[in-house]
Amino acid sequence: MQRVTGVGGIFFRSRDPEALRAWYKLHLGVGLEPWGGSVFSWNGPENPTGTGSTVWSIFAQESSKFAKTRSSFMVNYRVADLHALVASLRAEGCNVDDEVSDSEYGIFGWVTDPEGNRIELWQPPAGQ
């Protein structure tokens, strides 16, 4: 079974999200969408038409997006078959959240690594 196929997003917490977003825009040229993050498009062997993307976003310190962890960041990994991977991770004794979210943006699941870092797993919709 294929597991991770790429990085879907990088998210981190901030005490002052607006100021930090402005710093990244000014000093590193990270453009911001109206929702407060950026989308970097790319292509690769599994995605030759360049429809894939990686999201970069800053969240408020108290954001529920980081539930069950005190980690300041979370990486979103693209996966080919979320349900199969979650089942395998559970069978391997990993700390997998019970929640799986299915939306127009794809299917999401979460696992926490041995050091307490929350990891988001994302099966994108077909064609992305």
N, C-alpha and C. Protein backbone atom coordinates (compact mmCIF):
# COMPACT_ATOMS: atom_id res chain seq x y z
N MET A 1 0.84 -1.18 0.00
CA MET A 1 0.00 0.00 0.00
C MET A 1 0.89 1.25 0.00
N GLN A 2 0.55 2.17 -0.87
CA GLN A 2 1.26 3.45 -0.89
C GLN A 2 0.77 4.28 0.30
N ARG A 3 1.68 4.91 1.00
CA ARG A 3 1.29 5.70 2.16
C ARG A 3 1.32 7.18 1.82
N VAL A 4 2.31 7.92 2.21
CA VAL A 4 2.38 9.37 1.92
C VAL A 4 2.84 9.58 0.49
N THR A 5 2.14 10.49 -0.23
CA THR A 5 2.49 10.79 -1.62
C THR A 5 3.04 12.20 -1.79
N GLY A 6 3.01 13.01 -0.73
CA GLY A 6 3.51 14.38 -0.82
C GLY A 6 3.09 15.19 0.38
N VAL A 7 3.49 16.45 0.40
CA VAL A 7 3.11 17.36 1.48
C VAL A 7 1.94 18.20 0.99
N GLY A 8 0.83 18.12 1.69
CA GLY A 8 -0.37 18.86 1.31
C GLY A 8 -0.46 20.21 1.98
N GLY A 9 0.18 20.37 3.13
CA GLY A 9 0.09 21.65 3.81
C GLY A 9 1.02 21.75 5.00
N ILE A 10 1.33 22.97 5.34
CA ILE A 10 2.13 23.27 6.52
C ILE A 10 1.37 24.33 7.30
N PHE A 11 1.04 24.01 8.54
CA PHE A 11 0.24 24.89 9.37
C PHE A 11 0.95 25.12 10.70
N PHE A 12 0.92 26.34 11.19
CA PHE A 12 1.48 26.56 12.52
C PHE A 12 0.74 27.64 13.27
N ARG A 13 0.90 27.58 14.58
CA ARG A 13 0.23 28.50 15.50
C ARG A 13 1.04 29.78 15.68
N SER A 14 0.32 30.83 16.05
CA SER A 14 0.98 32.10 16.30
C SER A 14 0.22 32.86 17.38
N ARG A 15 0.97 33.58 18.21
CA ARG A 15 0.34 34.45 19.22
C ARG A 15 -0.32 35.65 18.53
N ASP A 16 0.20 36.06 17.37
CA ASP A 16 -0.33 37.20 16.63
C ASP A 16 -0.32 36.85 15.13
N PRO A 17 -1.32 36.09 14.67
CA PRO A 17 -1.32 35.61 13.29
C PRO A 17 -1.21 36.72 12.24
N GLU A 18 -1.91 37.83 12.43
CA GLU A 18 -1.88 38.90 11.43
C GLU A 18 -0.46 39.47 11.28
N ALA A 19 0.19 39.73 12.41
CA ALA A 19 1.55 40.28 12.36
C ALA A 19 2.53 39.28 11.74
N LEU A 20 2.37 38.01 12.06
CA LEU A 20 3.28 37.01 11.51
C LEU A 20 3.05 36.83 10.01
N ARG A 21 1.80 36.84 9.59
CA ARG A 21 1.52 36.77 8.14
C ARG A 21 2.16 37.94 7.42
N ALA A 22 2.04 39.13 8.00
CA ALA A 22 2.63 40.34 7.39
C ALA A 22 4.15 40.20 7.30
N TRP A 23 4.78 39.64 8.33
CA TRP A 23 6.24 39.44 8.31
C TRP A 23 6.63 38.51 7.16
N TYR A 24 5.92 37.38 7.02
CA TYR A 24 6.23 36.44 5.95
C TYR A 24 6.03 37.07 4.58
N LYS A 25 4.99 37.89 4.43
CA LYS A 25 4.73 38.55 3.16
C LYS A 25 5.84 39.55 2.84
N LEU A 26 6.20 40.39 3.81
CA LEU A 26 7.21 41.43 3.60
C LEU A 26 8.60 40.86 3.38
N HIS A 27 9.01 39.94 4.23
CA HIS A 27 10.40 39.48 4.22
C HIS A 27 10.67 38.26 3.35
N LEU A 28 9.68 37.41 3.15
CA LEU A 28 9.89 36.20 2.36
C LEU A 28 9.05 36.16 1.09
N GLY A 29 8.19 37.14 0.91
CA GLY A 29 7.38 37.21 -0.31
C GLY A 29 6.27 36.19 -0.39
N VAL A 30 5.85 35.66 0.75
CA VAL A 30 4.76 34.69 0.75
C VAL A 30 3.46 35.44 0.54
N GLY A 31 2.86 35.26 -0.64
CA GLY A 31 1.60 35.92 -0.95
C GLY A 31 0.46 35.33 -0.14
N LEU A 32 -0.50 36.14 0.19
CA LEU A 32 -1.60 35.68 1.02
C LEU A 32 -2.93 35.77 0.28
N GLU A 33 -3.71 34.72 0.41
CA GLU A 33 -5.07 34.70 -0.11
C GLU A 33 -5.98 35.41 0.91
N PRO A 34 -7.19 35.78 0.53
CA PRO A 34 -8.10 36.45 1.48
C PRO A 34 -8.35 35.66 2.77
N TRP A 35 -8.24 34.33 2.72
CA TRP A 35 -8.47 33.52 3.91
C TRP A 35 -7.24 33.47 4.83
N GLY A 36 -6.13 34.10 4.43
CA GLY A 36 -4.99 34.23 5.32
C GLY A 36 -3.84 33.28 5.11
N GLY A 37 -3.86 32.49 4.07
CA GLY A 37 -2.76 31.57 3.79
C GLY A 37 -2.35 31.66 2.34
N SER A 38 -1.50 30.73 1.93
CA SER A 38 -1.03 30.67 0.55
C SER A 38 -1.19 29.27 0.00
N VAL A 39 -1.31 29.19 -1.31
CA VAL A 39 -1.38 27.90 -1.99
C VAL A 39 -0.25 27.88 -3.02
N PHE A 40 0.63 26.89 -2.90
CA PHE A 40 1.73 26.71 -3.83
C PHE A 40 1.38 25.54 -4.76
N SER A 41 1.25 25.80 -6.04
CA SER A 41 0.92 24.75 -7.01
C SER A 41 2.21 24.08 -7.50
N TRP A 42 2.11 22.83 -7.85
CA TRP A 42 3.27 22.08 -8.30
C TRP A 42 2.83 20.92 -9.19
N ASN A 43 3.79 20.29 -9.83
CA ASN A 43 3.52 19.07 -10.57
C ASN A 43 4.61 18.05 -10.25
N GLY A 44 4.38 16.83 -10.65
CA GLY A 44 5.33 15.75 -10.38
C GLY A 44 4.91 14.51 -11.12
N PRO A 45 5.61 13.40 -10.92
CA PRO A 45 5.32 12.17 -11.66
C PRO A 45 3.88 11.70 -11.53
N GLU A 46 3.29 11.85 -10.33
CA GLU A 46 1.92 11.42 -10.13
C GLU A 46 0.93 12.53 -10.48
N ASN A 47 1.46 13.68 -10.87
CA ASN A 47 0.65 14.86 -11.09
C ASN A 47 1.25 15.70 -12.21
N PRO A 48 1.42 15.15 -13.40
CA PRO A 48 2.13 15.85 -14.46
C PRO A 48 1.45 17.13 -14.96
N THR A 49 0.16 17.26 -14.73
CA THR A 49 -0.53 18.46 -15.21
C THR A 49 -0.45 19.62 -14.24
N GLY A 50 0.15 19.41 -13.10
CA GLY A 50 0.34 20.50 -12.15
C GLY A 50 -0.89 20.91 -11.39
N THR A 51 -1.79 19.96 -11.13
CA THR A 51 -3.01 20.31 -10.40
C THR A 51 -2.84 20.19 -8.90
N GLY A 52 -1.72 19.70 -8.42
CA GLY A 52 -1.50 19.54 -6.99
C GLY A 52 -1.11 20.85 -6.34
N SER A 53 -1.27 20.89 -5.02
CA SER A 53 -0.90 22.10 -4.31
C SER A 53 -0.51 21.78 -2.88
N THR A 54 0.24 22.70 -2.29
CA THR A 54 0.60 22.64 -0.88
C THR A 54 0.12 23.95 -0.26
N VAL A 55 -0.61 23.84 0.83
CA VAL A 55 -1.15 25.02 1.52
C VAL A 55 -0.21 25.39 2.65
N TRP A 56 -0.02 26.68 2.85
CA TRP A 56 0.77 27.22 3.96
C TRP A 56 -0.15 28.17 4.71
N SER A 57 -0.27 27.99 6.03
CA SER A 57 -1.21 28.83 6.76
C SER A 57 -0.82 28.96 8.23
N ILE A 58 -1.12 30.13 8.77
CA ILE A 58 -0.87 30.43 10.18
C ILE A 58 -2.21 30.50 10.89
N PHE A 59 -2.29 29.88 12.06
CA PHE A 59 -3.52 29.85 12.86
C PHE A 59 -3.28 30.53 14.20
N ALA A 60 -4.35 31.00 14.80
CA ALA A 60 -4.28 31.58 16.14
C ALA A 60 -3.83 30.50 17.13
N GLN A 61 -3.16 30.92 18.17
CA GLN A 61 -2.63 30.00 19.19
C GLN A 61 -3.70 29.05 19.72
N GLU A 62 -4.93 29.54 19.89
CA GLU A 62 -6.00 28.73 20.48
C GLU A 62 -6.82 27.94 19.45
N SER A 63 -6.37 27.88 18.21
CA SER A 63 -7.11 27.20 17.15
C SER A 63 -7.41 25.74 17.49
N SER A 64 -8.62 25.31 17.21
CA SER A 64 -9.00 23.92 17.44
C SER A 64 -8.40 22.99 16.38
N LYS A 65 -7.81 23.55 15.33
CA LYS A 65 -7.18 22.75 14.28
C LYS A 65 -6.07 21.86 14.85
N PHE A 66 -5.51 22.28 15.99
CA PHE A 66 -4.42 21.55 16.62
C PHE A 66 -4.90 20.75 17.83
N ALA A 67 -6.14 20.34 17.81
CA ALA A 67 -6.75 19.63 18.94
C ALA A 67 -5.86 18.50 19.45
N LYS A 68 -5.89 18.31 20.74
CA LYS A 68 -5.20 17.19 21.39
C LYS A 68 -3.68 17.27 21.35
N THR A 69 -3.12 18.42 21.05
CA THR A 69 -1.67 18.55 21.05
C THR A 69 -1.28 19.97 21.42
N ARG A 70 -0.11 20.12 21.97
CA ARG A 70 0.41 21.46 22.27
C ARG A 70 1.45 21.88 21.23
N SER A 71 1.63 21.06 20.22
CA SER A 71 2.61 21.36 19.18
C SER A 71 2.30 22.68 18.50
N SER A 72 3.34 23.39 18.08
CA SER A 72 3.15 24.68 17.44
C SER A 72 2.97 24.56 15.92
N PHE A 73 3.11 23.35 15.38
CA PHE A 73 2.97 23.18 13.93
C PHE A 73 2.26 21.87 13.63
N MET A 74 1.79 21.75 12.41
CA MET A 74 1.19 20.51 11.93
C MET A 74 1.48 20.40 10.44
N VAL A 75 1.91 19.25 10.02
CA VAL A 75 2.13 18.99 8.60
C VAL A 75 0.96 18.16 8.09
N ASN A 76 0.48 18.51 6.91
CA ASN A 76 -0.58 17.77 6.24
C ASN A 76 0.10 16.97 5.13
N TYR A 77 -0.06 15.65 5.18
CA TYR A 77 0.53 14.79 4.16
C TYR A 77 -0.57 14.28 3.22
N ARG A 78 -0.28 14.35 1.93
CA ARG A 78 -1.18 13.78 0.93
C ARG A 78 -1.05 12.26 0.99
N VAL A 79 -2.17 11.56 0.90
CA VAL A 79 -2.16 10.10 0.90
C VAL A 79 -3.08 9.58 -0.21
N ALA A 80 -2.83 8.37 -0.65
CA ALA A 80 -3.59 7.79 -1.75
C ALA A 80 -4.92 7.20 -1.29
N ASP A 81 -4.95 6.56 -0.12
CA ASP A 81 -6.16 5.89 0.38
C ASP A 81 -6.21 6.09 1.89
N LEU A 82 -6.89 7.14 2.30
CA LEU A 82 -6.92 7.51 3.72
C LEU A 82 -7.46 6.39 4.60
N HIS A 83 -8.58 5.80 4.22
CA HIS A 83 -9.18 4.77 5.08
C HIS A 83 -8.26 3.57 5.26
N ALA A 84 -7.61 3.13 4.21
CA ALA A 84 -6.68 2.00 4.32
C ALA A 84 -5.49 2.37 5.20
N LEU A 85 -4.96 3.58 5.02
CA LEU A 85 -3.81 4.00 5.81
C LEU A 85 -4.17 4.12 7.29
N VAL A 86 -5.31 4.72 7.58
CA VAL A 86 -5.74 4.86 8.98
C VAL A 86 -5.91 3.48 9.62
N ALA A 87 -6.49 2.54 8.89
CA ALA A 87 -6.65 1.18 9.43
C ALA A 87 -5.28 0.55 9.70
N SER A 88 -4.34 0.73 8.80
CA SER A 88 -2.99 0.18 9.00
C SER A 88 -2.31 0.82 10.20
N LEU A 89 -2.42 2.14 10.31
CA LEU A 89 -1.79 2.84 11.44
C LEU A 89 -2.37 2.36 12.77
N ARG A 90 -3.68 2.18 12.82
CA ARG A 90 -4.31 1.66 14.05
C ARG A 90 -3.78 0.27 14.37
N ALA A 91 -3.71 -0.59 13.36
CA ALA A 91 -3.22 -1.96 13.55
C ALA A 91 -1.77 -1.98 14.02
N GLU A 92 -1.01 -0.94 13.64
CA GLU A 92 0.39 -0.82 14.04
C GLU A 92 0.55 -0.17 15.40
N GLY A 93 -0.56 0.17 16.05
CA GLY A 93 -0.50 0.73 17.40
C GLY A 93 -0.30 2.23 17.46
N CYS A 94 -0.48 2.93 16.34
CA CYS A 94 -0.31 4.39 16.33
C CYS A 94 -1.50 5.08 16.99
N ASN A 95 -1.27 6.30 17.45
CA ASN A 95 -2.30 7.12 18.09
C ASN A 95 -3.09 7.86 17.00
N VAL A 96 -4.16 7.22 16.53
CA VAL A 96 -4.97 7.74 15.43
C VAL A 96 -6.29 8.28 15.99
N ASP A 97 -6.66 9.50 15.57
CA ASP A 97 -7.95 10.07 15.98
C ASP A 97 -9.09 9.22 15.43
N ASP A 98 -10.19 9.17 16.18
CA ASP A 98 -11.37 8.46 15.70
C ASP A 98 -12.06 9.22 14.57
N GLU A 99 -11.94 10.54 14.58
CA GLU A 99 -12.61 11.37 13.59
C GLU A 99 -11.97 11.25 12.21
N VAL A 100 -12.82 11.12 11.19
CA VAL A 100 -12.43 11.23 9.79
C VAL A 100 -13.41 12.21 9.18
N SER A 101 -12.90 13.20 8.46
CA SER A 101 -13.74 14.24 7.89
C SER A 101 -13.75 14.12 6.37
N ASP A 102 -14.95 14.06 5.80
CA ASP A 102 -15.11 13.94 4.35
C ASP A 102 -15.82 15.20 3.86
N SER A 103 -15.16 15.95 2.97
CA SER A 103 -15.75 17.19 2.48
C SER A 103 -15.44 17.37 1.00
N GLU A 104 -15.87 18.49 0.45
CA GLU A 104 -15.58 18.79 -0.95
C GLU A 104 -14.07 18.93 -1.20
N TYR A 105 -13.30 19.16 -0.12
CA TYR A 105 -11.85 19.33 -0.24
C TYR A 105 -11.09 18.02 -0.11
N GLY A 106 -11.79 16.92 0.15
CA GLY A 106 -11.16 15.63 0.28
C GLY A 106 -11.50 14.96 1.60
N ILE A 107 -10.76 13.91 1.91
CA ILE A 107 -10.97 13.16 3.14
C ILE A 107 -9.78 13.40 4.05
N PHE A 108 -10.05 13.71 5.33
CA PHE A 108 -9.01 14.06 6.28
C PHE A 108 -9.05 13.12 7.48
N GLY A 109 -7.88 12.78 7.98
CA GLY A 109 -7.73 12.02 9.21
C GLY A 109 -6.51 12.54 9.94
N TRP A 110 -6.35 12.15 11.22
CA TRP A 110 -5.24 12.67 12.01
C TRP A 110 -4.60 11.57 12.84
N VAL A 111 -3.30 11.69 13.00
CA VAL A 111 -2.52 10.79 13.82
C VAL A 111 -1.52 11.65 14.60
N THR A 112 -1.15 11.21 15.77
CA THR A 112 -0.16 11.92 16.58
C THR A 112 1.10 11.08 16.65
N ASP A 113 2.26 11.70 16.37
CA ASP A 113 3.51 10.95 16.39
C ASP A 113 3.97 10.73 17.84
N PRO A 114 4.99 9.91 18.06
CA PRO A 114 5.43 9.60 19.42
C PRO A 114 5.88 10.81 20.25
N GLU A 115 6.20 11.94 19.60
CA GLU A 115 6.62 13.13 20.34
C GLU A 115 5.48 14.13 20.53
N GLY A 116 4.27 13.72 20.18
CA GLY A 116 3.09 14.57 20.42
C GLY A 116 2.75 15.53 19.30
N ASN A 117 3.36 15.38 18.13
CA ASN A 117 3.05 16.26 17.00
C ASN A 117 1.84 15.73 16.25
N ARG A 118 0.86 16.60 16.06
CA ARG A 118 -0.35 16.23 15.32
C ARG A 118 -0.04 16.25 13.83
N ILE A 119 -0.46 15.21 13.13
CA ILE A 119 -0.23 15.07 11.70
C ILE A 119 -1.59 14.92 11.04
N GLU A 120 -1.81 15.73 10.00
CA GLU A 120 -3.05 15.62 9.24
C GLU A 120 -2.79 14.79 7.99
N LEU A 121 -3.65 13.83 7.72
CA LEU A 121 -3.55 13.01 6.53
C LEU A 121 -4.70 13.42 5.60
N TRP A 122 -4.39 13.61 4.32
CA TRP A 122 -5.37 14.14 3.39
C TRP A 122 -5.38 13.34 2.10
N GLN A 123 -6.54 12.81 1.78
CA GLN A 123 -6.75 12.19 0.48
C GLN A 123 -7.49 13.21 -0.37
N PRO A 124 -6.77 13.87 -1.30
CA PRO A 124 -7.42 14.91 -2.10
C PRO A 124 -8.52 14.34 -2.99
N PRO A 125 -9.43 15.20 -3.43
CA PRO A 125 -10.44 14.74 -4.39
C PRO A 125 -9.74 14.28 -5.68
N ALA A 126 -10.40 13.44 -6.44
CA ALA A 126 -9.84 12.95 -7.70
C ALA A 126 -9.42 14.13 -8.56
N GLY A 127 -8.26 14.02 -9.18
CA GLY A 127 -7.76 15.04 -10.08
C GLY A 127 -6.95 16.14 -9.42
N GLN A 128 -6.74 16.04 -8.13
CA GLN A 128 -5.95 17.07 -7.44
C GLN A 128 -4.70 16.50 -6.88
